[in-house]
């Protein structure tokens, strides 16, 4: 099973991630944290390139952890896996006994397994239950949101998390249609979304349901709240010389990453001070100029990489006591 899943799993910008993060992972005892382990593609590449490093792998999806564990089994006790949401990073590191680490990766969004498993309900291209939970032990599903949210709540969700310009039309149509019958599967929701979008707008810009499904997924899994918690925790967890990299896939995610790295790479002292106190100095230096994007060859081989934006930074100032 793991061989089949891994065969279809192409880690995004993998060579560049290894290049960025392997520098501090050459030292004996170094630790790499993969906050979004998925099927373990990035982790496998980094552990192979950095034989002195060990892995703390985190994922909220218990099914992904099982498959990643099988894939990473050849690395033996260099691998420790934890089921957690990535904003629980401080608790995971405390349990692992490693409050400071040398490298951190967060590959945001969906894993290949979640997209490809029909029963998970993430894909708009197949008919499936409206689920979209990354952790299927939680109670809230996409069907719950679609069937209970008001027009205003749905429209706000679609605008904020999906940047859907027809959010109001789609929300009103959903509420009208669910009055006859609650939504339970993706195919019916896709048809309703398509009917709410003007024909001219449906002609270009990708699948008409793409932005709505993205918004529902983000809302179901509280992804931007979790990311807001992860970013300062990850920066604080880096040892001196440690590096972090984040792959984002839509502007809402990337904006949070950009702002967090900007703040961490800027001195916080008031103007006019003759010297910047250590506790107010920039904590990080940027390793990427703006957001790096995958090359055309990678996008051709792996279309899911097309929207990826990579940002990275390195700790240059010790954590204040």
C-alpha atoms as a PDB file:
ATOM      1  CA  UNK A   1       0.000   0.000   0.000  1.00  0.00           C
ATOM      2  CA  UNK A   2       2.697   2.499   0.980  1.00  0.00           C
ATOM      3  CA  UNK A   3       4.630   1.782  -2.222  1.00  0.00           C
ATOM      4  CA  UNK A   4       1.564   2.665  -4.320  1.00  0.00           C
ATOM      5  CA  UNK A   5       0.862   5.845  -2.362  1.00  0.00           C
ATOM      6  CA  UNK A   6       4.507   6.932  -2.403  1.00  0.00           C
ATOM      7  CA  UNK A   7       4.839   6.248  -6.121  1.00  0.00           C
ATOM      8  CA  UNK A   8       2.275   8.933  -6.856  1.00  0.00           C
ATOM      9  CA  UNK A   9       3.661  11.347  -4.291  1.00  0.00           C
ATOM     10  CA  UNK A  10       6.043  13.963  -5.673  1.00  0.00           C
ATOM     11  CA  UNK A  11       7.314  16.291  -2.921  1.00  0.00           C
ATOM     12  CA  UNK A  12       7.135  19.919  -4.037  1.00  0.00           C
ATOM     13  CA  UNK A  13      10.450  21.754  -4.630  1.00  0.00           C
ATOM     14  CA  UNK A  14      12.223  18.879  -2.916  1.00  0.00           C
ATOM     15  CA  UNK A  15      15.752  19.549  -4.195  1.00  0.00           C
ATOM     16  CA  UNK A  16      15.560  23.199  -3.116  1.00  0.00           C
ATOM     17  CA  UNK A  17      14.173  22.242   0.308  1.00  0.00           C
ATOM     18  CA  UNK A  18      17.057  19.803   0.823  1.00  0.00           C
ATOM     19  CA  UNK A  19      19.555  22.452  -0.306  1.00  0.00           C
ATOM     20  CA  UNK A  20      18.199  25.003   2.164  1.00  0.00           C
ATOM     21  CA  UNK A  21      17.700  22.793   5.203  1.00  0.00           C
ATOM     22  CA  UNK A  22      20.629  20.393   4.958  1.00  0.00           C
ATOM     23  CA  UNK A  23      23.226  23.020   5.943  1.00  0.00           C
ATOM     24  CA  UNK A  24      22.567  22.933   9.715  1.00  0.00           C
ATOM     25  CA  UNK A  25      21.717  19.218   9.648  1.00  0.00           C
ATOM     26  CA  UNK A  26      25.260  17.981   9.042  1.00  0.00           C
ATOM     27  CA  UNK A  27      26.185  18.149  12.733  1.00  0.00           C
ATOM     28  CA  UNK A  28      25.832  15.003  14.857  1.00  0.00           C
ATOM     29  CA  UNK A  29      22.660  15.065  16.920  1.00  0.00           C
ATOM     30  CA  UNK A  30      20.912  17.616  14.711  1.00  0.00           C
ATOM     31  CA  UNK A  31      17.123  17.477  14.514  1.00  0.00           C
ATOM     32  CA  UNK A  32      14.795  18.168  11.591  1.00  0.00           C
ATOM     33  CA  UNK A  33      11.115  18.818  12.255  1.00  0.00           C
ATOM     34  CA  UNK A  34       8.604  18.145   9.504  1.00  0.00           C
ATOM     35  CA  UNK A  35       5.426  19.861  10.693  1.00  0.00           C
ATOM     36  CA  UNK A  36       3.310  18.456   7.849  1.00  0.00           C
ATOM     37  CA  UNK A  37       4.771  15.009   7.319  1.00  0.00           C
ATOM     38  CA  UNK A  38       2.204  13.727   4.816  1.00  0.00           C
ATOM     39  CA  UNK A  39       3.605  10.701   3.017  1.00  0.00           C
ATOM     40  CA  UNK A  40       7.130  11.568   4.141  1.00  0.00           C
ATOM     41  CA  UNK A  41       8.657  12.538   0.785  1.00  0.00           C
ATOM     42  CA  UNK A  42      10.563  15.592   2.010  1.00  0.00           C
ATOM     43  CA  UNK A  43      11.557  13.760   5.191  1.00  0.00           C
ATOM     44  CA  UNK A  44      12.934  10.795   3.268  1.00  0.00           C
ATOM     45  CA  UNK A  45      15.026  13.081   1.048  1.00  0.00           C
ATOM     46  CA  UNK A  46      16.416  15.069   3.976  1.00  0.00           C
ATOM     47  CA  UNK A  47      17.236  12.019   6.117  1.00  0.00           C
ATOM     48  CA  UNK A  48      19.015  10.479   3.125  1.00  0.00           C
ATOM     49  CA  UNK A  49      21.041  13.647   2.495  1.00  0.00           C
ATOM     50  CA  UNK A  50      21.806  14.268   6.184  1.00  0.00           C
ATOM     51  CA  UNK A  51      22.896  11.002   7.846  1.00  0.00           C
ATOM     52  CA  UNK A  52      23.660  12.718  11.187  1.00  0.00           C
ATOM     53  CA  UNK A  53      20.150  14.135  11.515  1.00  0.00           C
ATOM     54  CA  UNK A  54      17.054  12.687  13.129  1.00  0.00           C
ATOM     55  CA  UNK A  55      13.414  13.487  12.388  1.00  0.00           C
ATOM     56  CA  UNK A  56      10.502  14.662  14.479  1.00  0.00           C
ATOM     57  CA  UNK A  57       7.545  14.174  12.161  1.00  0.00           C
ATOM     58  CA  UNK A  58       4.162  15.782  12.882  1.00  0.00           C
ATOM     59  CA  UNK A  59       0.839  15.327  11.136  1.00  0.00           C
ATOM     60  CA  UNK A  60      -2.751  15.634  12.293  1.00  0.00           C
ATOM     61  CA  UNK A  61      -3.790  12.847   9.903  1.00  0.00           C
ATOM     62  CA  UNK A  62      -3.354   9.437  11.517  1.00  0.00           C
ATOM     63  CA  UNK A  63      -3.570   7.693   8.136  1.00  0.00           C
ATOM     64  CA  UNK A  64      -0.699   9.785   6.754  1.00  0.00           C
ATOM     65  CA  UNK A  65       1.409   8.993   9.819  1.00  0.00           C
ATOM     66  CA  UNK A  66       0.873   5.274   9.315  1.00  0.00           C
ATOM     67  CA  UNK A  67       1.976   5.396   5.686  1.00  0.00           C
ATOM     68  CA  UNK A  68       4.888   7.735   6.400  1.00  0.00           C
ATOM     69  CA  UNK A  69       6.022   5.459   9.208  1.00  0.00           C
ATOM     70  CA  UNK A  70       6.221   2.538   6.792  1.00  0.00           C
ATOM     71  CA  UNK A  71       8.096   4.617   4.243  1.00  0.00           C
ATOM     72  CA  UNK A  72      10.595   5.921   6.800  1.00  0.00           C
ATOM     73  CA  UNK A  73      11.071   2.608   8.626  1.00  0.00           C
ATOM     74  CA  UNK A  74      14.541   2.052   7.050  1.00  0.00           C
ATOM     75  CA  UNK A  75      15.831   5.039   9.053  1.00  0.00           C
ATOM     76  CA  UNK A  76      15.072   3.225  12.308  1.00  0.00           C
ATOM     77  CA  UNK A  77      15.363   5.170  15.541  1.00  0.00           C
ATOM     78  CA  UNK A  78      16.271   8.369  13.680  1.00  0.00           C
ATOM     79  CA  UNK A  79      12.498   8.835  13.227  1.00  0.00           C
ATOM     80  CA  UNK A  80       9.924   9.848  15.839  1.00  0.00           C
ATOM     81  CA  UNK A  81       6.353  10.539  14.744  1.00  0.00           C
ATOM     82  CA  UNK A  82       3.599  12.470  16.525  1.00  0.00           C
ATOM     83  CA  UNK A  83      -0.081  12.951  15.723  1.00  0.00           C
ATOM     84  CA  UNK A  84      -0.722  16.634  16.393  1.00  0.00           C
ATOM     85  CA  UNK A  85      -1.771  19.860  14.742  1.00  0.00           C
ATOM     86  CA  UNK A  86       1.286  21.834  13.720  1.00  0.00           C
ATOM     87  CA  UNK A  87       0.548  24.732  16.051  1.00  0.00           C
ATOM     88  CA  UNK A  88       1.084  22.199  18.855  1.00  0.00           C
ATOM     89  CA  UNK A  89       4.787  22.261  17.940  1.00  0.00           C
ATOM     90  CA  UNK A  90       5.959  23.464  21.407  1.00  0.00           C
ATOM     91  CA  UNK A  91       4.149  20.586  23.122  1.00  0.00           C
ATOM     92  CA  UNK A  92       5.570  18.042  20.669  1.00  0.00           C
ATOM     93  CA  UNK A  93       9.124  19.350  21.121  1.00  0.00           C
ATOM     94  CA  UNK A  94       8.730  19.325  24.894  1.00  0.00           C
ATOM     95  CA  UNK A  95       7.571  15.693  24.766  1.00  0.00           C
ATOM     96  CA  UNK A  96      10.505  14.836  22.494  1.00  0.00           C
ATOM     97  CA  UNK A  97      12.921  16.595  24.853  1.00  0.00           C
ATOM     98  CA  UNK A  98      14.199  18.897  22.084  1.00  0.00           C
ATOM     99  CA  UNK A  99      13.032  22.480  22.674  1.00  0.00           C
ATOM    100  CA  UNK A 100      15.565  23.744  20.088  1.00  0.00           C
ATOM    101  CA  UNK A 101      16.093  22.171  16.684  1.00  0.00           C
ATOM    102  CA  UNK A 102      18.215  22.756  13.587  1.00  0.00           C
ATOM    103  CA  UNK A 103      15.629  22.717  10.793  1.00  0.00           C
ATOM    104  CA  UNK A 104      11.868  23.016  10.378  1.00  0.00           C
ATOM    105  CA  UNK A 105       9.673  22.503   7.315  1.00  0.00           C
ATOM    106  CA  UNK A 106       5.974  23.258   6.922  1.00  0.00           C
ATOM    107  CA  UNK A 107       4.490  22.158   3.589  1.00  0.00           C
ATOM    108  CA  UNK A 108       1.019  23.662   3.888  1.00  0.00           C
ATOM    109  CA  UNK A 109      -2.174  22.505   2.242  1.00  0.00           C
ATOM    110  CA  UNK A 110      -3.173  18.998   1.251  1.00  0.00           C
ATOM    111  CA  UNK A 111      -1.046  15.913   0.909  1.00  0.00           C
ATOM    112  CA  UNK A 112      -1.312  13.753  -2.202  1.00  0.00           C
ATOM    113  CA  UNK A 113      -2.947  11.016  -0.149  1.00  0.00           C
ATOM    114  CA  UNK A 114      -5.730  13.324   1.024  1.00  0.00           C
ATOM    115  CA  UNK A 115      -6.430  14.502  -2.514  1.00  0.00           C
ATOM    116  CA  UNK A 116      -6.353  11.031  -4.030  1.00  0.00           C
ATOM    117  CA  UNK A 117      -8.471   9.236  -1.427  1.00  0.00           C
ATOM    118  CA  UNK A 118     -12.055   9.665  -2.648  1.00  0.00           C
ATOM    119  CA  UNK A 119     -13.591   8.967   0.737  1.00  0.00           C
ATOM    120  CA  UNK A 120     -11.843  11.991   2.276  1.00  0.00           C
ATOM    121  CA  UNK A 121     -14.004  14.379   0.219  1.00  0.00           C
ATOM    122  CA  UNK A 122     -11.302  16.943  -0.651  1.00  0.00           C
ATOM    123  CA  UNK A 123     -11.521  16.631  -4.436  1.00  0.00           C
ATOM    124  CA  UNK A 124     -14.184  18.406  -6.472  1.00  0.00           C
ATOM    125  CA  UNK A 125     -13.516  16.208  -9.508  1.00  0.00           C
ATOM    126  CA  UNK A 126     -15.097  13.052  -8.013  1.00  0.00           C
ATOM    127  CA  UNK A 127     -18.320  12.410  -6.119  1.00  0.00           C
ATOM    128  CA  UNK A 128     -17.596  11.754  -2.464  1.00  0.00           C
ATOM    129  CA  UNK A 129     -18.955  12.510   1.011  1.00  0.00           C
ATOM    130  CA  UNK A 130     -18.535  16.175   1.992  1.00  0.00           C
ATOM    131  CA  UNK A 131     -15.952  15.493   4.672  1.00  0.00           C
ATOM    132  CA  UNK A 132     -12.617  17.360   4.206  1.00  0.00           C
ATOM    133  CA  UNK A 133     -11.308  16.624   7.725  1.00  0.00           C
ATOM    134  CA  UNK A 134      -7.535  16.238   7.930  1.00  0.00           C
ATOM    135  CA  UNK A 135      -8.047  14.628  11.329  1.00  0.00           C
ATOM    136  CA  UNK A 136     -11.045  12.358  10.926  1.00  0.00           C
ATOM    137  CA  UNK A 137     -11.528  12.110  14.680  1.00  0.00           C
ATOM    138  CA  UNK A 138     -12.799  15.694  14.828  1.00  0.00           C
ATOM    139  CA  UNK A 139     -16.551  16.187  14.554  1.00  0.00           C
ATOM    140  CA  UNK A 140     -16.918  19.174  12.191  1.00  0.00           C
ATOM    141  CA  UNK A 141     -17.155  18.294   8.480  1.00  0.00           C
ATOM    142  CA  UNK A 142     -17.639  20.294   5.306  1.00  0.00           C
ATOM    143  CA  UNK A 143     -21.239  19.052   5.162  1.00  0.00           C
ATOM    144  CA  UNK A 144     -21.835  20.583   8.599  1.00  0.00           C
ATOM    145  CA  UNK A 145     -20.596  23.977   7.413  1.00  0.00           C
ATOM    146  CA  UNK A 146     -22.523  23.874   4.149  1.00  0.00           C
ATOM    147  CA  UNK A 147     -25.765  22.823   5.810  1.00  0.00           C
ATOM    148  CA  UNK A 148     -25.736  25.056   8.902  1.00  0.00           C
ATOM    149  CA  UNK A 149     -23.922  28.309   8.033  1.00  0.00           C
ATOM    150  CA  UNK A 150     -25.913  31.416   7.164  1.00  0.00           C
ATOM    151  CA  UNK A 151     -25.609  33.139   3.797  1.00  0.00           C
ATOM    152  CA  UNK A 152     -23.364  35.762   5.377  1.00  0.00           C
ATOM    153  CA  UNK A 153     -21.163  33.184   7.083  1.00  0.00           C
ATOM    154  CA  UNK A 154     -20.766  31.139   3.910  1.00  0.00           C
ATOM    155  CA  UNK A 155     -20.041  34.185   1.757  1.00  0.00           C
ATOM    156  CA  UNK A 156     -17.461  35.459   4.241  1.00  0.00           C
ATOM    157  CA  UNK A 157     -15.794  32.053   4.293  1.00  0.00           C
ATOM    158  CA  UNK A 158     -15.594  31.907   0.508  1.00  0.00           C
ATOM    159  CA  UNK A 159     -14.189  35.426   0.231  1.00  0.00           C
ATOM    160  CA  UNK A 160     -11.639  35.106   3.019  1.00  0.00           C
ATOM    161  CA  UNK A 161     -10.360  31.583   2.438  1.00  0.00           C
ATOM    162  CA  UNK A 162     -11.062  31.112  -1.265  1.00  0.00           C
ATOM    163  CA  UNK A 163     -10.901  34.651  -2.668  1.00  0.00           C
ATOM    164  CA  UNK A 164     -14.087  33.771  -4.534  1.00  0.00           C
ATOM    165  CA  UNK A 165     -15.492  36.826  -6.303  1.00  0.00           C
ATOM    166  CA  UNK A 166     -18.928  35.207  -6.653  1.00  0.00           C
ATOM    167  CA  UNK A 167     -19.093  34.338  -2.953  1.00  0.00           C
ATOM    168  CA  UNK A 168     -22.477  35.975  -2.354  1.00  0.00           C
ATOM    169  CA  UNK A 169     -24.128  34.287  -5.349  1.00  0.00           C
ATOM    170  CA  UNK A 170     -22.749  30.875  -4.395  1.00  0.00           C
ATOM    171  CA  UNK A 171     -23.738  31.245  -0.730  1.00  0.00           C
ATOM    172  CA  UNK A 172     -27.293  32.253  -1.591  1.00  0.00           C
ATOM    173  CA  UNK A 173     -27.661  29.373  -4.047  1.00  0.00           C
ATOM    174  CA  UNK A 174     -26.346  26.860  -1.490  1.00  0.00           C
ATOM    175  CA  UNK A 175     -28.792  28.034   1.188  1.00  0.00           C
ATOM    176  CA  UNK A 176     -31.692  27.900  -1.284  1.00  0.00           C
ATOM    177  CA  UNK A 177     -30.836  24.390  -2.473  1.00  0.00           C
ATOM    178  CA  UNK A 178     -30.263  22.938   0.984  1.00  0.00           C
ATOM    179  CA  UNK A 179     -33.791  23.955   2.010  1.00  0.00           C
ATOM    180  CA  UNK A 180     -35.052  21.144  -0.258  1.00  0.00           C
ATOM    181  CA  UNK A 181     -32.393  18.644   0.757  1.00  0.00           C
ATOM    182  CA  UNK A 182     -29.222  18.962   2.866  1.00  0.00           C
ATOM    183  CA  UNK A 183     -25.923  18.495   1.040  1.00  0.00           C
ATOM    184  CA  UNK A 184     -24.106  15.233   1.652  1.00  0.00           C
ATOM    185  CA  UNK A 185     -21.866  14.686  -1.397  1.00  0.00           C
ATOM    186  CA  UNK A 186     -19.463  16.742  -3.453  1.00  0.00           C
ATOM    187  CA  UNK A 187     -21.062  16.220  -6.888  1.00  0.00           C
ATOM    188  CA  UNK A 188     -24.292  17.990  -5.986  1.00  0.00           C
ATOM    189  CA  UNK A 189     -22.401  20.861  -4.363  1.00  0.00           C
ATOM    190  CA  UNK A 190     -20.246  21.230  -7.493  1.00  0.00           C
ATOM    191  CA  UNK A 191     -23.360  21.447  -9.673  1.00  0.00           C
ATOM    192  CA  UNK A 192     -24.844  24.150  -7.451  1.00  0.00           C
ATOM    193  CA  UNK A 193     -21.597  26.143  -7.471  1.00  0.00           C
ATOM    194  CA  UNK A 194     -21.399  25.935 -11.261  1.00  0.00           C
ATOM    195  CA  UNK A 195     -25.010  27.106 -11.606  1.00  0.00           C
ATOM    196  CA  UNK A 196     -24.289  30.137  -9.391  1.00  0.00           C
ATOM    197  CA  UNK A 197     -21.304  31.362 -11.434  1.00  0.00           C
ATOM    198  CA  UNK A 198     -21.986  33.250 -14.695  1.00  0.00           C
ATOM    199  CA  UNK A 199     -21.244  31.233 -17.818  1.00  0.00           C
ATOM    200  CA  UNK A 200     -18.592  33.683 -19.017  1.00  0.00           C
ATOM    201  CA  UNK A 201     -16.692  33.342 -15.725  1.00  0.00           C
ATOM    202  CA  UNK A 202     -16.862  29.540 -15.899  1.00  0.00           C
ATOM    203  CA  UNK A 203     -14.994  29.574 -19.203  1.00  0.00           C
ATOM    204  CA  UNK A 204     -11.589  30.341 -17.680  1.00  0.00           C
ATOM    205  CA  UNK A 205      -9.653  30.367 -14.434  1.00  0.00           C
ATOM    206  CA  UNK A 206      -9.746  26.673 -13.583  1.00  0.00           C
ATOM    207  CA  UNK A 207     -12.539  24.555 -12.172  1.00  0.00           C
ATOM    208  CA  UNK A 208     -15.490  26.668 -10.951  1.00  0.00           C
ATOM    209  CA  UNK A 209     -15.605  24.807  -7.614  1.00  0.00           C
ATOM    210  CA  UNK A 210     -11.891  25.073  -6.852  1.00  0.00           C
ATOM    211  CA  UNK A 211     -12.040  28.192  -4.675  1.00  0.00           C
ATOM    212  CA  UNK A 212     -15.151  27.099  -2.785  1.00  0.00           C
ATOM    213  CA  UNK A 213     -13.675  23.704  -1.956  1.00  0.00           C
ATOM    214  CA  UNK A 214     -10.434  25.352  -0.863  1.00  0.00           C
ATOM    215  CA  UNK A 215     -12.352  27.706   1.419  1.00  0.00           C
ATOM    216  CA  UNK A 216     -14.385  24.911   2.978  1.00  0.00           C
ATOM    217  CA  UNK A 217     -11.268  22.816   3.583  1.00  0.00           C
ATOM    218  CA  UNK A 218      -9.462  25.696   5.280  1.00  0.00           C
ATOM    219  CA  UNK A 219     -12.497  26.448   7.441  1.00  0.00           C
ATOM    220  CA  UNK A 220     -13.118  22.822   8.432  1.00  0.00           C
ATOM    221  CA  UNK A 221      -9.509  22.374   9.526  1.00  0.00           C
ATOM    222  CA  UNK A 222      -9.018  25.871  10.973  1.00  0.00           C
ATOM    223  CA  UNK A 223      -5.852  26.054   8.895  1.00  0.00           C
ATOM    224  CA  UNK A 224      -5.066  29.780   9.043  1.00  0.00           C
ATOM    225  CA  UNK A 225      -5.574  29.862  12.827  1.00  0.00           C
ATOM    226  CA  UNK A 226      -3.197  26.917  13.137  1.00  0.00           C
ATOM    227  CA  UNK A 227      -0.661  28.598  10.853  1.00  0.00           C
ATOM    228  CA  UNK A 228      -0.851  31.806  12.894  1.00  0.00           C
ATOM    229  CA  UNK A 229       0.107  29.731  15.919  1.00  0.00           C
ATOM    230  CA  UNK A 230       2.797  27.715  14.172  1.00  0.00           C
ATOM    231  CA  UNK A 231       4.913  30.521  12.734  1.00  0.00           C
ATOM    232  CA  UNK A 232       6.075  32.216  15.973  1.00  0.00           C
ATOM    233  CA  UNK A 233       6.471  28.820  17.627  1.00  0.00           C
ATOM    234  CA  UNK A 234       8.679  27.561  14.798  1.00  0.00           C
ATOM    235  CA  UNK A 235      10.839  30.691  14.844  1.00  0.00           C
ATOM    236  CA  UNK A 236      11.267  30.389  18.613  1.00  0.00           C
ATOM    237  CA  UNK A 237      12.216  26.707  18.312  1.00  0.00           C
ATOM    238  CA  UNK A 238      15.165  27.298  15.974  1.00  0.00           C
ATOM    239  CA  UNK A 239      18.622  26.943  17.475  1.00  0.00           C
ATOM    240  CA  UNK A 240      21.289  29.456  16.466  1.00  0.00           C
ATOM    241  CA  UNK A 241      22.053  28.750  12.805  1.00  0.00           C
ATOM    242  CA  UNK A 242      18.852  26.769  12.460  1.00  0.00           C
ATOM    243  CA  UNK A 243      16.722  27.150   9.345  1.00  0.00           C
ATOM    244  CA  UNK A 244      13.005  27.031   8.590  1.00  0.00           C
ATOM    245  CA  UNK A 245      11.211  26.761   5.271  1.00  0.00           C
ATOM    246  CA  UNK A 246       7.519  27.106   4.491  1.00  0.00           C
ATOM    247  CA  UNK A 247       5.686  26.102   1.323  1.00  0.00           C
ATOM    248  CA  UNK A 248       2.396  27.965   0.888  1.00  0.00           C
ATOM    249  CA  UNK A 249      -0.192  27.397  -1.834  1.00  0.00           C
ATOM    250  CA  UNK A 250      -2.539  30.356  -1.715  1.00  0.00           C
ATOM    251  CA  UNK A 251      -2.211  34.030  -0.954  1.00  0.00           C
ATOM    252  CA  UNK A 252      -3.791  33.865   2.512  1.00  0.00           C
ATOM    253  CA  UNK A 253      -1.190  31.376   3.707  1.00  0.00           C
ATOM    254  CA  UNK A 254       1.680  33.122   1.961  1.00  0.00           C
ATOM    255  CA  UNK A 255       0.708  36.511   3.411  1.00  0.00           C
ATOM    256  CA  UNK A 256       0.929  35.127   6.956  1.00  0.00           C
ATOM    257  CA  UNK A 257       4.315  33.539   6.219  1.00  0.00           C
ATOM    258  CA  UNK A 258       5.659  36.688   4.556  1.00  0.00           C
ATOM    259  CA  UNK A 259       4.595  38.886   7.473  1.00  0.00           C
ATOM    260  CA  UNK A 260       6.003  36.538  10.118  1.00  0.00           C
ATOM    261  CA  UNK A 261       9.381  36.348   8.378  1.00  0.00           C
ATOM    262  CA  UNK A 262       9.398  40.113   7.784  1.00  0.00           C
ATOM    263  CA  UNK A 263       8.823  40.771  11.470  1.00  0.00           C
ATOM    264  CA  UNK A 264      11.463  38.241  12.510  1.00  0.00           C
ATOM    265  CA  UNK A 265      14.068  39.729  10.163  1.00  0.00           C
ATOM    266  CA  UNK A 266      13.541  43.324  11.336  1.00  0.00           C
ATOM    267  CA  UNK A 267      15.076  45.071  14.330  1.00  0.00           C
ATOM    268  CA  UNK A 268      12.367  46.120  16.797  1.00  0.00           C
ATOM    269  CA  UNK A 269      14.274  48.917  18.534  1.00  0.00           C
ATOM    270  CA  UNK A 270      12.925  52.492  18.412  1.00  0.00           C
ATOM    271  CA  UNK A 271      14.747  54.809  16.037  1.00  0.00           C
ATOM    272  CA  UNK A 272      17.560  56.855  17.503  1.00  0.00           C
ATOM    273  CA  UNK A 273      19.038  54.271  19.864  1.00  0.00           C
ATOM    274  CA  UNK A 274      22.852  54.252  19.612  1.00  0.00           C
ATOM    275  CA  UNK A 275      22.828  50.442  19.737  1.00  0.00           C
ATOM    276  CA  UNK A 276      20.122  47.833  19.330  1.00  0.00           C
ATOM    277  CA  UNK A 277      19.687  45.709  22.477  1.00  0.00           C
ATOM    278  CA  UNK A 278      20.077  41.981  21.871  1.00  0.00           C
ATOM    279  CA  UNK A 279      16.455  41.253  22.719  1.00  0.00           C
ATOM    280  CA  UNK A 280      15.279  43.723  20.038  1.00  0.00           C
ATOM    281  CA  UNK A 281      17.563  42.621  17.220  1.00  0.00           C
ATOM    282  CA  UNK A 282      16.338  40.744  14.161  1.00  0.00           C
ATOM    283  CA  UNK A 283      16.064  37.047  14.959  1.00  0.00           C
ATOM    284  CA  UNK A 284      16.312  35.729  11.413  1.00  0.00           C
ATOM    285  CA  UNK A 285      17.946  36.445   8.086  1.00  0.00           C
ATOM    286  CA  UNK A 286      16.028  35.650   4.909  1.00  0.00           C
ATOM    287  CA  UNK A 287      17.336  32.808   2.755  1.00  0.00           C
ATOM    288  CA  UNK A 288      14.954  33.477  -0.126  1.00  0.00           C
ATOM    289  CA  UNK A 289      14.376  36.686  -2.042  1.00  0.00           C
ATOM    290  CA  UNK A 290      10.631  37.057  -1.979  1.00  0.00           C
ATOM    291  CA  UNK A 291       8.737  33.857  -2.619  1.00  0.00           C
ATOM    292  CA  UNK A 292      10.535  31.284  -4.752  1.00  0.00           C
ATOM    293  CA  UNK A 293       8.410  29.357  -7.258  1.00  0.00           C
ATOM    294  CA  UNK A 294       8.875  25.923  -8.818  1.00  0.00           C
ATOM    295  CA  UNK A 295      10.415  25.805 -12.274  1.00  0.00           C
ATOM    296  CA  UNK A 296       8.393  25.051 -15.379  1.00  0.00           C
ATOM    297  CA  UNK A 297       9.867  21.542 -15.623  1.00  0.00           C
ATOM    298  CA  UNK A 298       8.686  20.689 -12.116  1.00  0.00           C
ATOM    299  CA  UNK A 299       5.212  22.077 -12.754  1.00  0.00           C
ATOM    300  CA  UNK A 300       4.986  20.035 -15.939  1.00  0.00           C
ATOM    301  CA  UNK A 301       5.957  16.875 -14.036  1.00  0.00           C
ATOM    302  CA  UNK A 302       3.866  17.725 -10.967  1.00  0.00           C
ATOM    303  CA  UNK A 303       0.956  20.108 -11.719  1.00  0.00           C
ATOM    304  CA  UNK A 304       0.095  20.286  -7.999  1.00  0.00           C
ATOM    305  CA  UNK A 305       3.278  22.311  -7.505  1.00  0.00           C
ATOM    306  CA  UNK A 306       2.064  25.146  -9.734  1.00  0.00           C
ATOM    307  CA  UNK A 307       0.799  27.417  -6.952  1.00  0.00           C
ATOM    308  CA  UNK A 308       3.639  26.746  -4.480  1.00  0.00           C
ATOM    309  CA  UNK A 309       5.495  29.648  -2.887  1.00  0.00           C
ATOM    310  CA  UNK A 310       8.620  28.940  -0.847  1.00  0.00           C
ATOM    311  CA  UNK A 311      10.044  31.240   1.833  1.00  0.00           C
ATOM    312  CA  UNK A 312      12.879  30.464   4.249  1.00  0.00           C
ATOM    313  CA  UNK A 313      14.930  32.051   7.012  1.00  0.00           C
ATOM    314  CA  UNK A 314      17.904  31.317   9.292  1.00  0.00           C
ATOM    315  CA  UNK A 315      18.282  32.174  12.971  1.00  0.00           C
ATOM    316  CA  UNK A 316      21.104  34.686  13.417  1.00  0.00           C
ATOM    317  CA  UNK A 317      20.418  35.818  16.985  1.00  0.00           C
ATOM    318  CA  UNK A 318      20.187  33.569  20.002  1.00  0.00           C
ATOM    319  CA  UNK A 319      16.784  33.168  21.626  1.00  0.00           C
ATOM    320  CA  UNK A 320      16.378  35.730  24.404  1.00  0.00           C
ATOM    321  CA  UNK A 321      16.423  34.172  27.848  1.00  0.00           C
END
